[in-house]
């Protein structure tokens, strides 16, 4: 254990966002409360989800398929529609499997502290998750912000064009920053401003739902991966920690200990490399073996807790991963078409928006694929840790137990997308290749 303070509430930022967005009143494990929709919050959640998820996303979904649309507007609108519509599956998981997700978080934040922990590593993991969340939010904000800037410039151009027309001339239609079907007239300034605000809040709301869910899931995976790294440390140091504990338990003995080579060490200022010999001089082989067994049993229990945690998470969120793969492949493909269109027509502001959205989509997929790959890698390295735990100094009985841990660790722990694909680096590359292939086909169709 390190001397730094124990980190608490790993997902404080995510829980605050989930509560504000109406996705449930997520309680931290140390609060001892599991109510997801207490009191008035139930009505707040219903209203926000009806307005922004059902209402806004519904209008957004209708737009690409109503009337004649130019290819730029269709592609830009379709990319948001794909992302937001498929996110509804993730929302269902968060609503109806809330208890399972809460149990997983409780295991990571509370239960694993019954075993060996490294607070420094846990704090570093919390910092990394904050960086991942911030980077995703940054590109999301750029996308939405540039969308509004582009829409504002387009509206100023519309006003300048209308000002130069005669009273009898036909006015061009006034458009909004984000393509969305609006069932009322919004051509007047007052109606346009209110509709503009409605659309901006809708984009921010739905965008933050997507970003909060994805970064929360990535953070959970990263914490599970970090716990396997801590378990490896526990196994590698198990022998030394046991010897040190036995040595410290006899600090009340004042007289110096003479080792086999005649060297004398003082108890309080004993040299570390002589600690083992001092312990063997004070304890019987059976006492040392029992102490080692207790230390290793804690490591074995910690391993089993982690395995159950990962398996529960994999079962709970498998369809969420499937949704992620489908939405990422389609959205990245569509945005690539949009980027090529904007680059060829030198639409600088729209190009910045498309590039920011493109980066956000890649980060969204990468967070889950890379963290899941790291989880599988760290879980597999437990077998290597067993080989480094000074097993040759242990009794045959303990060695047999270590063999069982090695055999279990060699069975890969993977997160899968409903059994269709494993979430890892290869999956990320496969999605990117598939998206590019579809992009190439669409580009050829447009050039014909």
Protein backbone atom coordinates (compact mmCIF):
# COMPACT_ATOMS: atom_id res chain seq x y z
CA UNK A 1 0.00 0.00 0.00
CA UNK A 2 1.18 3.48 -0.75
CA UNK A 3 1.13 6.34 1.73
CA UNK A 4 -1.17 8.55 -0.37
CA UNK A 5 -4.81 8.90 0.64
CA UNK A 6 -7.38 6.50 -0.65
CA UNK A 7 -9.25 7.87 -3.68
CA UNK A 8 -13.03 7.90 -3.40
CA UNK A 9 -15.90 8.39 -5.80
CA UNK A 10 -14.06 7.42 -8.96
CA UNK A 11 -16.95 8.50 -11.19
CA UNK A 12 -18.05 11.72 -9.48
CA UNK A 13 -18.04 13.72 -12.74
CA UNK A 14 -20.01 11.07 -14.61
CA UNK A 15 -22.55 10.67 -11.82
CA UNK A 16 -23.17 14.42 -11.74
CA UNK A 17 -23.72 14.49 -15.50
CA UNK A 18 -25.99 11.42 -15.39
CA UNK A 19 -28.14 13.03 -12.69
CA UNK A 20 -28.38 16.35 -14.54
CA UNK A 21 -29.23 14.67 -17.85
CA UNK A 22 -32.14 12.80 -16.27
CA UNK A 23 -30.60 9.34 -16.61
CA UNK A 24 -31.20 8.43 -13.00
CA UNK A 25 -30.05 9.63 -9.60
CA UNK A 26 -26.87 7.56 -9.55
CA UNK A 27 -25.65 7.10 -5.97
CA UNK A 28 -22.01 6.68 -5.05
CA UNK A 29 -21.33 3.32 -3.38
CA UNK A 30 -20.41 4.98 -0.07
CA UNK A 31 -23.83 6.66 0.13
CA UNK A 32 -25.58 3.39 0.89
CA UNK A 33 -28.62 4.38 -1.20
CA UNK A 34 -29.79 2.59 -4.35
CA UNK A 35 -32.90 4.61 -5.24
CA UNK A 36 -32.59 5.58 -8.88
CA UNK A 37 -35.57 7.95 -9.17
CA UNK A 38 -36.23 9.40 -5.70
CA UNK A 39 -39.19 11.77 -5.23
CA UNK A 40 -39.42 14.69 -7.62
CA UNK A 41 -36.48 13.46 -9.68
CA UNK A 42 -38.73 10.91 -11.40
CA UNK A 43 -40.81 13.71 -12.94
CA UNK A 44 -37.69 15.66 -13.88
CA UNK A 45 -36.32 12.60 -15.67
CA UNK A 46 -39.59 11.92 -17.52
CA UNK A 47 -39.87 15.52 -18.72
CA UNK A 48 -36.26 15.82 -19.87
CA UNK A 49 -36.31 12.49 -21.70
CA UNK A 50 -39.63 13.27 -23.42
CA UNK A 51 -38.43 16.70 -24.55
CA UNK A 52 -34.82 16.05 -25.52
CA UNK A 53 -34.60 12.34 -26.29
CA UNK A 54 -38.05 11.54 -27.68
CA UNK A 55 -38.84 15.03 -28.96
CA UNK A 56 -35.55 16.41 -30.24
CA UNK A 57 -34.09 13.13 -31.50
CA UNK A 58 -37.44 12.32 -33.12
CA UNK A 59 -37.47 15.60 -35.06
CA UNK A 60 -33.82 15.11 -35.93
CA UNK A 61 -34.55 11.61 -37.25
CA UNK A 62 -37.42 12.76 -39.46
CA UNK A 63 -35.44 15.55 -41.18
CA UNK A 64 -33.25 13.54 -43.61
CA UNK A 65 -36.30 11.81 -45.06
CA UNK A 66 -38.63 14.81 -45.48
CA UNK A 67 -38.62 16.66 -48.80
CA UNK A 68 -35.72 17.19 -51.16
CA UNK A 69 -32.34 17.51 -49.46
CA UNK A 70 -28.96 18.37 -50.93
CA UNK A 71 -26.21 15.84 -50.32
CA UNK A 72 -24.32 18.06 -47.84
CA UNK A 73 -27.33 18.54 -45.58
CA UNK A 74 -28.38 14.91 -45.88
CA UNK A 75 -24.95 13.53 -44.90
CA UNK A 76 -24.44 15.98 -42.05
CA UNK A 77 -27.89 15.26 -40.64
CA UNK A 78 -27.57 11.52 -41.10
CA UNK A 79 -24.34 11.37 -39.07
CA UNK A 80 -26.10 12.87 -36.03
CA UNK A 81 -29.20 10.72 -36.54
CA UNK A 82 -27.20 7.49 -36.54
CA UNK A 83 -25.29 8.43 -33.40
CA UNK A 84 -28.30 9.65 -31.42
CA UNK A 85 -30.78 6.97 -32.48
CA UNK A 86 -28.53 4.03 -31.69
CA UNK A 87 -27.67 5.62 -28.35
CA UNK A 88 -31.27 4.87 -27.30
CA UNK A 89 -30.20 1.24 -26.81
CA UNK A 90 -27.52 2.38 -24.38
CA UNK A 91 -30.12 4.47 -22.55
CA UNK A 92 -32.26 1.36 -22.08
CA UNK A 93 -29.28 -0.47 -20.61
CA UNK A 94 -28.64 2.36 -18.15
CA UNK A 95 -32.30 2.48 -17.13
CA UNK A 96 -33.08 -1.23 -16.83
CA UNK A 97 -29.69 -2.58 -15.74
CA UNK A 98 -28.87 0.15 -13.30
CA UNK A 99 -28.49 -2.28 -10.38
CA UNK A 100 -25.91 -4.39 -12.21
CA UNK A 101 -23.83 -1.37 -13.16
CA UNK A 102 -24.03 -0.05 -9.61
CA UNK A 103 -22.82 -3.41 -8.26
CA UNK A 104 -19.84 -3.31 -10.62
CA UNK A 105 -18.91 0.20 -9.47
CA UNK A 106 -19.30 -0.85 -5.83
CA UNK A 107 -16.91 -3.74 -6.40
CA UNK A 108 -14.30 -1.42 -7.90
CA UNK A 109 -14.61 1.35 -5.30
CA UNK A 110 -15.45 -0.54 -2.09
CA UNK A 111 -15.16 -4.32 -2.13
CA UNK A 112 -11.69 -4.57 -3.65
CA UNK A 113 -10.33 -2.54 -0.75
CA UNK A 114 -10.72 -5.67 1.36
CA UNK A 115 -7.65 -6.89 -0.52
CA UNK A 116 -4.30 -5.50 -1.60
CA UNK A 117 -4.60 -2.07 -3.22
CA UNK A 118 -2.30 0.60 -4.58
CA UNK A 119 -3.84 4.02 -3.99
CA UNK A 120 -1.28 5.72 -6.23
CA UNK A 121 -2.32 3.59 -9.21
CA UNK A 122 -5.99 4.12 -8.47
CA UNK A 123 -5.49 7.87 -8.33
CA UNK A 124 -3.57 7.77 -11.63
CA UNK A 125 -6.44 5.82 -13.21
CA UNK A 126 -8.95 8.41 -12.00
CA UNK A 127 -6.82 11.13 -13.59
CA UNK A 128 -6.61 9.24 -16.87
CA UNK A 129 -10.38 8.78 -16.98
CA UNK A 130 -10.82 12.52 -16.45
CA UNK A 131 -8.46 13.21 -19.36
CA UNK A 132 -10.39 10.82 -21.61
CA UNK A 133 -13.68 12.41 -20.62
CA UNK A 134 -12.35 15.93 -21.14
CA UNK A 135 -10.91 15.13 -24.57
CA UNK A 136 -14.18 13.64 -25.76
CA UNK A 137 -16.18 16.57 -24.37
CA UNK A 138 -13.74 19.00 -26.01
CA UNK A 139 -14.32 17.64 -29.51
CA UNK A 140 -18.04 17.40 -28.82
CA UNK A 141 -18.18 21.05 -27.79
CA UNK A 142 -16.15 22.06 -30.88
CA UNK A 143 -18.60 20.19 -33.08
CA UNK A 144 -21.66 21.83 -31.54
CA UNK A 145 -20.01 25.24 -31.23
CA UNK A 146 -18.87 25.29 -34.84
CA UNK A 147 -22.29 24.12 -35.94
CA UNK A 148 -23.81 27.19 -34.28
CA UNK A 149 -21.12 29.49 -35.72
CA UNK A 150 -21.72 28.10 -39.18
CA UNK A 151 -25.48 28.49 -38.74
CA UNK A 152 -25.09 32.07 -37.54
CA UNK A 153 -22.93 33.01 -40.53
CA UNK A 154 -25.38 31.36 -42.89
CA UNK A 155 -28.23 33.32 -41.31
CA UNK A 156 -26.31 36.61 -41.65
CA UNK A 157 -25.76 35.81 -45.31
CA UNK A 158 -29.47 35.05 -45.66
CA UNK A 159 -30.36 38.40 -44.13
CA UNK A 160 -27.94 40.22 -46.45
CA UNK A 161 -29.40 38.39 -49.44
CA UNK A 162 -32.98 39.13 -48.39
CA UNK A 163 -32.12 42.81 -47.80
CA UNK A 164 -31.05 43.13 -51.42
CA UNK A 165 -34.25 41.63 -52.84
CA UNK A 166 -37.30 43.49 -54.07
CA UNK A 167 -40.63 43.14 -52.29
CA UNK A 168 -41.90 41.00 -55.14
CA UNK A 169 -38.85 38.67 -55.16
CA UNK A 170 -39.13 35.17 -53.77
CA UNK A 171 -37.18 34.89 -50.53
CA UNK A 172 -34.89 31.89 -50.08
CA UNK A 173 -35.76 29.62 -47.12
CA UNK A 174 -34.17 30.43 -43.77
CA UNK A 175 -32.22 27.45 -42.43
CA UNK A 176 -31.10 26.37 -38.98
CA UNK A 177 -27.50 25.44 -38.01
CA UNK A 178 -28.31 21.75 -37.52
CA UNK A 179 -30.64 20.10 -40.05
CA UNK A 180 -33.79 19.27 -38.10
CA UNK A 181 -37.44 19.09 -39.06
CA UNK A 182 -39.42 21.86 -37.33
CA UNK A 183 -43.24 21.50 -37.47
CA UNK A 184 -43.84 25.25 -37.11
CA UNK A 185 -42.83 28.33 -39.07
CA UNK A 186 -39.64 29.92 -37.82
CA UNK A 187 -38.86 32.48 -40.52
CA UNK A 188 -39.54 35.52 -38.35
CA UNK A 189 -36.74 36.77 -36.10
CA UNK A 190 -38.51 35.98 -32.82
CA UNK A 191 -39.49 32.46 -33.88
CA UNK A 192 -36.06 31.84 -35.37
CA UNK A 193 -34.18 32.84 -32.21
CA UNK A 194 -36.34 30.63 -29.98
CA UNK A 195 -35.97 27.72 -32.41
CA UNK A 196 -32.22 28.34 -32.59
CA UNK A 197 -31.98 28.16 -28.79
CA UNK A 198 -34.15 25.03 -28.72
CA UNK A 199 -31.89 23.32 -31.24
CA UNK A 200 -28.70 24.36 -29.45
CA UNK A 201 -29.91 23.05 -26.09
CA UNK A 202 -31.11 19.86 -27.77
CA UNK A 203 -27.72 19.28 -29.36
CA UNK A 204 -25.92 19.94 -26.10
CA UNK A 205 -28.29 17.68 -24.16
CA UNK A 206 -28.24 14.70 -26.51
CA UNK A 207 -24.54 15.16 -27.20
CA UNK A 208 -23.71 15.06 -23.50
CA UNK A 209 -25.83 11.93 -23.07
CA UNK A 210 -23.73 10.20 -25.73
CA UNK A 211 -20.43 11.48 -24.35
CA UNK A 212 -21.25 10.77 -20.69
CA UNK A 213 -22.35 7.18 -21.31
CA UNK A 214 -19.38 6.34 -23.53
CA UNK A 215 -16.73 7.88 -21.29
CA UNK A 216 -18.32 6.31 -18.20
CA UNK A 217 -18.16 2.85 -19.77
CA UNK A 218 -14.58 3.43 -20.88
CA UNK A 219 -13.68 4.57 -17.36
CA UNK A 220 -15.19 1.44 -15.79
CA UNK A 221 -13.16 -0.75 -18.15
CA UNK A 222 -10.00 1.20 -17.38
CA UNK A 223 -10.51 0.77 -13.63
CA UNK A 224 -11.00 -3.00 -14.05
CA UNK A 225 -7.81 -3.12 -16.11
CA UNK A 226 -5.96 -1.18 -13.42
CA UNK A 227 -7.20 -3.63 -10.78
CA UNK A 228 -5.62 -6.52 -12.66
CA UNK A 229 -2.33 -4.60 -12.71
CA UNK A 230 -2.67 -4.13 -8.94
CA UNK A 231 -3.40 -7.85 -8.55
CA UNK A 232 -0.20 -8.65 -10.44
CA UNK A 233 1.68 -6.42 -8.03
CA UNK A 234 0.04 -8.22 -5.11
CA UNK A 235 1.15 -11.61 -6.44
CA UNK A 236 4.71 -10.52 -7.25
CA UNK A 237 5.16 -9.00 -3.77
CA UNK A 238 3.25 -11.69 -1.86
CA UNK A 239 6.36 -13.48 -0.61
CA UNK A 240 8.23 -10.31 0.39
CA UNK A 241 5.16 -8.83 2.05
CA UNK A 242 4.66 -11.96 4.11
CA UNK A 243 8.29 -12.04 5.21
CA UNK A 244 8.16 -8.34 6.06
CA UNK A 245 4.95 -8.80 8.04
CA UNK A 246 6.44 -11.68 10.05
CA UNK A 247 9.60 -9.68 10.65
CA UNK A 248 7.68 -6.62 11.85
CA UNK A 249 5.54 -8.78 14.15
CA UNK A 250 8.62 -9.50 16.28
CA UNK A 251 9.85 -5.93 16.65
CA UNK A 252 9.31 -6.24 20.41
CA UNK A 253 12.43 -8.43 20.67
CA UNK A 254 15.29 -6.19 21.71
CA UNK A 255 18.34 -8.44 21.41
CA UNK A 256 20.18 -8.54 18.08
CA UNK A 257 19.89 -11.59 15.81
CA UNK A 258 22.95 -13.41 14.58
CA UNK A 259 22.62 -14.90 11.09
CA UNK A 260 24.23 -18.08 9.80
CA UNK A 261 27.29 -16.29 8.43
CA UNK A 262 27.98 -14.63 11.75
CA UNK A 263 26.74 -11.18 10.73
CA UNK A 264 24.77 -9.36 13.42
CA UNK A 265 21.81 -7.11 12.56
CA UNK A 266 19.85 -4.83 14.85
CA UNK A 267 16.07 -5.39 14.72
CA UNK A 268 15.12 -1.79 14.15
CA UNK A 269 17.81 -1.08 11.57
CA UNK A 270 17.98 -4.47 9.93
CA UNK A 271 19.16 -4.71 6.35
CA UNK A 272 16.37 -5.73 3.93
CA UNK A 273 18.28 -8.54 2.28
CA UNK A 274 18.82 -10.18 5.70
CA UNK A 275 15.14 -9.98 6.67
CA UNK A 276 14.28 -13.39 5.26
CA UNK A 277 17.06 -15.13 7.16
CA UNK A 278 16.03 -13.39 10.37
CA UNK A 279 12.44 -14.56 9.89
CA UNK A 280 13.56 -18.15 9.29
CA UNK A 281 15.56 -17.93 12.48
CA UNK A 282 12.51 -16.90 14.47
CA UNK A 283 9.66 -18.93 12.91
CA UNK A 284 9.14 -22.54 12.03
CA UNK A 285 8.66 -23.61 8.43
CA UNK A 286 5.00 -24.41 9.15
CA UNK A 287 4.33 -20.94 10.56
CA UNK A 288 5.89 -19.30 7.51
CA UNK A 289 3.95 -21.59 5.18
CA UNK A 290 0.65 -20.74 6.86
CA UNK A 291 1.39 -17.01 6.67
CA UNK A 292 2.24 -17.33 2.97
CA UNK A 293 -0.95 -19.29 2.39
CA UNK A 294 -3.05 -16.54 3.98
CA UNK A 295 -1.39 -13.89 1.80
CA UNK A 296 -1.87 -15.94 -1.36
CA UNK A 297 -5.48 -16.75 -0.49
CA UNK A 298 -6.23 -13.03 -0.41
CA UNK A 299 -4.68 -12.73 -3.88
CA UNK A 300 -6.73 -15.69 -5.12
CA UNK A 301 -9.95 -14.20 -3.73
CA UNK A 302 -9.09 -10.85 -5.30
CA UNK A 303 -8.61 -12.61 -8.64
CA UNK A 304 -11.99 -14.31 -8.39
CA UNK A 305 -13.74 -11.05 -7.46
CA UNK A 306 -12.21 -9.36 -10.50
CA UNK A 307 -13.15 -12.18 -12.84
CA UNK A 308 -16.77 -12.10 -11.65
CA UNK A 309 -16.80 -8.31 -12.00
CA UNK A 310 -15.59 -8.45 -15.61
CA UNK A 311 -17.96 -11.27 -16.53
CA UNK A 312 -20.91 -9.39 -15.03
CA UNK A 313 -19.94 -6.24 -16.90
CA UNK A 314 -19.54 -8.16 -20.16
CA UNK A 315 -23.02 -9.66 -19.79
CA UNK A 316 -24.59 -6.35 -18.78
CA UNK A 317 -23.20 -4.17 -21.54
CA UNK A 318 -22.71 -6.57 -24.48
CA UNK A 319 -25.52 -4.99 -26.52
CA UNK A 320 -24.13 -1.58 -25.71
CA UNK A 321 -20.87 -2.60 -27.37
CA UNK A 322 -22.81 -3.92 -30.34
CA UNK A 323 -24.58 -0.58 -30.62
CA UNK A 324 -21.24 1.19 -30.43
CA UNK A 325 -19.76 -0.80 -33.31
CA UNK A 326 -22.77 -0.28 -35.57
CA UNK A 327 -23.10 3.43 -34.87
CA UNK A 328 -19.36 4.09 -35.16
CA UNK A 329 -19.01 2.29 -38.47
CA UNK A 330 -21.99 4.09 -40.01
CA UNK A 331 -21.27 7.51 -38.51
CA UNK A 332 -17.55 7.50 -39.36
CA UNK A 333 -18.36 6.49 -42.93
CA UNK A 334 -20.93 9.27 -43.32
CA UNK A 335 -18.68 11.89 -41.72
CA UNK A 336 -15.81 10.90 -44.03
CA UNK A 337 -18.06 11.65 -46.99
CA UNK A 338 -19.00 14.98 -45.40
CA UNK A 339 -15.35 15.88 -44.75
CA UNK A 340 -14.40 15.15 -48.36
CA UNK A 341 -17.31 17.26 -49.58
CA UNK A 342 -16.41 20.20 -47.33
CA UNK A 343 -12.71 19.99 -48.19
CA UNK A 344 -13.38 19.97 -51.93
CA UNK A 345 -15.75 22.96 -51.70
CA UNK A 346 -13.49 24.93 -49.26
CA UNK A 347 -16.24 25.34 -46.66
CA UNK A 348 -13.80 26.16 -43.89
CA UNK A 349 -16.25 26.50 -40.98
CA UNK A 350 -18.25 23.42 -41.93
CA UNK A 351 -14.96 21.57 -42.50
CA UNK A 352 -13.84 22.34 -38.93
CA UNK A 353 -17.20 21.07 -37.64
CA UNK A 354 -16.97 17.89 -39.71
CA UNK A 355 -13.37 17.23 -38.66
CA UNK A 356 -14.22 17.78 -34.98
CA UNK A 357 -17.18 15.41 -35.25
CA UNK A 358 -14.98 12.92 -37.10
CA UNK A 359 -12.41 13.03 -34.27
CA UNK A 360 -15.18 12.69 -31.67
CA UNK A 361 -16.47 9.55 -33.40
CA UNK A 362 -13.00 8.03 -33.54
CA UNK A 363 -12.34 8.82 -29.86
CA UNK A 364 -15.76 7.38 -28.97
CA UNK A 365 -14.87 4.05 -30.58
CA UNK A 366 -11.22 4.09 -29.50
CA UNK A 367 -12.02 4.64 -25.82
CA UNK A 368 -13.95 1.39 -25.60
CA UNK A 369 -11.81 -0.71 -27.96
CA UNK A 370 -8.45 0.33 -26.49
CA UNK A 371 -9.54 0.06 -22.86
CA UNK A 372 -11.13 -3.36 -23.50
CA UNK A 373 -7.93 -4.51 -25.20
CA UNK A 374 -5.91 -3.32 -22.21
CA UNK A 375 -8.25 -5.19 -19.86
CA UNK A 376 -7.70 -8.46 -21.73
CA UNK A 377 -3.94 -7.84 -21.77
CA UNK A 378 -3.68 -7.03 -18.05
CA UNK A 379 -5.86 -10.02 -17.08
CA UNK A 380 -3.62 -12.34 -19.11
CA UNK A 381 -0.48 -11.00 -17.46
CA UNK A 382 -1.60 -12.41 -14.11
CA UNK A 383 -0.02 -15.70 -15.22
CA UNK A 384 3.31 -13.90 -15.71
CA UNK A 385 3.02 -12.44 -12.21
CA UNK A 386 2.71 -15.93 -10.75
CA UNK A 387 6.02 -16.85 -12.37
CA UNK A 388 7.65 -13.85 -10.66
CA UNK A 389 6.25 -14.40 -7.17
CA UNK A 390 9.26 -16.38 -5.83
CA UNK A 391 7.27 -19.60 -6.03
CA UNK A 392 10.50 -21.61 -5.84
CA UNK A 393 10.79 -20.60 -2.17
CA UNK A 394 7.31 -21.86 -1.34
CA UNK A 395 6.11 -25.31 -0.36
CA UNK A 396 4.81 -27.78 -2.99
CA UNK A 397 1.29 -27.35 -1.59
CA UNK A 398 1.30 -23.62 -2.33
CA UNK A 399 2.88 -24.17 -5.75
CA UNK A 400 -0.06 -26.37 -6.76
CA UNK A 401 -2.45 -23.56 -5.86
CA UNK A 402 -0.41 -21.14 -7.93
CA UNK A 403 -0.64 -23.48 -10.91
CA UNK A 404 -4.44 -23.27 -10.75
CA UNK A 405 -4.27 -19.47 -10.83
CA UNK A 406 -1.95 -19.62 -13.84
CA UNK A 407 -4.30 -21.94 -15.72
CA UNK A 408 -7.28 -19.65 -15.05
CA UNK A 409 -5.36 -16.52 -16.02
CA UNK A 410 -4.44 -18.08 -19.36
CA UNK A 411 -8.12 -18.18 -20.31
CA UNK A 412 -8.62 -14.74 -21.88
CA UNK A 413 -11.13 -12.35 -20.36
CA UNK A 414 -12.76 -10.48 -23.23
CA UNK A 415 -15.56 -7.97 -23.68
CA UNK A 416 -17.66 -8.80 -26.71
CA UNK A 417 -20.28 -7.03 -28.77
CA UNK A 418 -23.15 -9.47 -28.18
CA UNK A 419 -20.85 -12.31 -29.25
CA UNK A 420 -20.31 -10.95 -32.77
CA UNK A 421 -16.91 -9.36 -32.17
CA UNK A 422 -14.43 -8.87 -29.36
CA UNK A 423 -13.71 -5.31 -28.29
CA UNK A 424 -9.99 -4.83 -28.91
CA UNK A 425 -7.48 -3.05 -31.12
CA UNK A 426 -8.15 -5.40 -34.02
CA UNK A 427 -11.85 -4.57 -33.81
CA UNK A 428 -11.05 -0.84 -33.95
CA UNK A 429 -8.94 -1.30 -37.08
CA UNK A 430 -11.59 -3.52 -38.66
CA UNK A 431 -14.28 -0.88 -38.09
CA UNK A 432 -12.07 1.85 -39.56
CA UNK A 433 -11.30 -0.29 -42.62
CA UNK A 434 -14.98 -1.13 -43.10
CA UNK A 435 -15.95 2.54 -42.77
CA UNK A 436 -13.35 3.51 -45.36
CA UNK A 437 -14.58 0.79 -47.73
CA UNK A 438 -18.15 2.07 -47.49
CA UNK A 439 -16.88 5.63 -47.91
CA UNK A 440 -15.06 4.65 -51.11
CA UNK A 441 -18.25 3.09 -52.50
CA UNK A 442 -20.35 6.15 -51.61
CA UNK A 443 -17.78 8.49 -53.14
CA UNK A 444 -17.82 6.54 -56.38
CA UNK A 445 -21.62 6.66 -56.45
CA UNK A 446 -21.55 10.44 -56.08
CA UNK A 447 -19.05 10.83 -58.91
CA UNK A 448 -21.15 8.82 -61.36
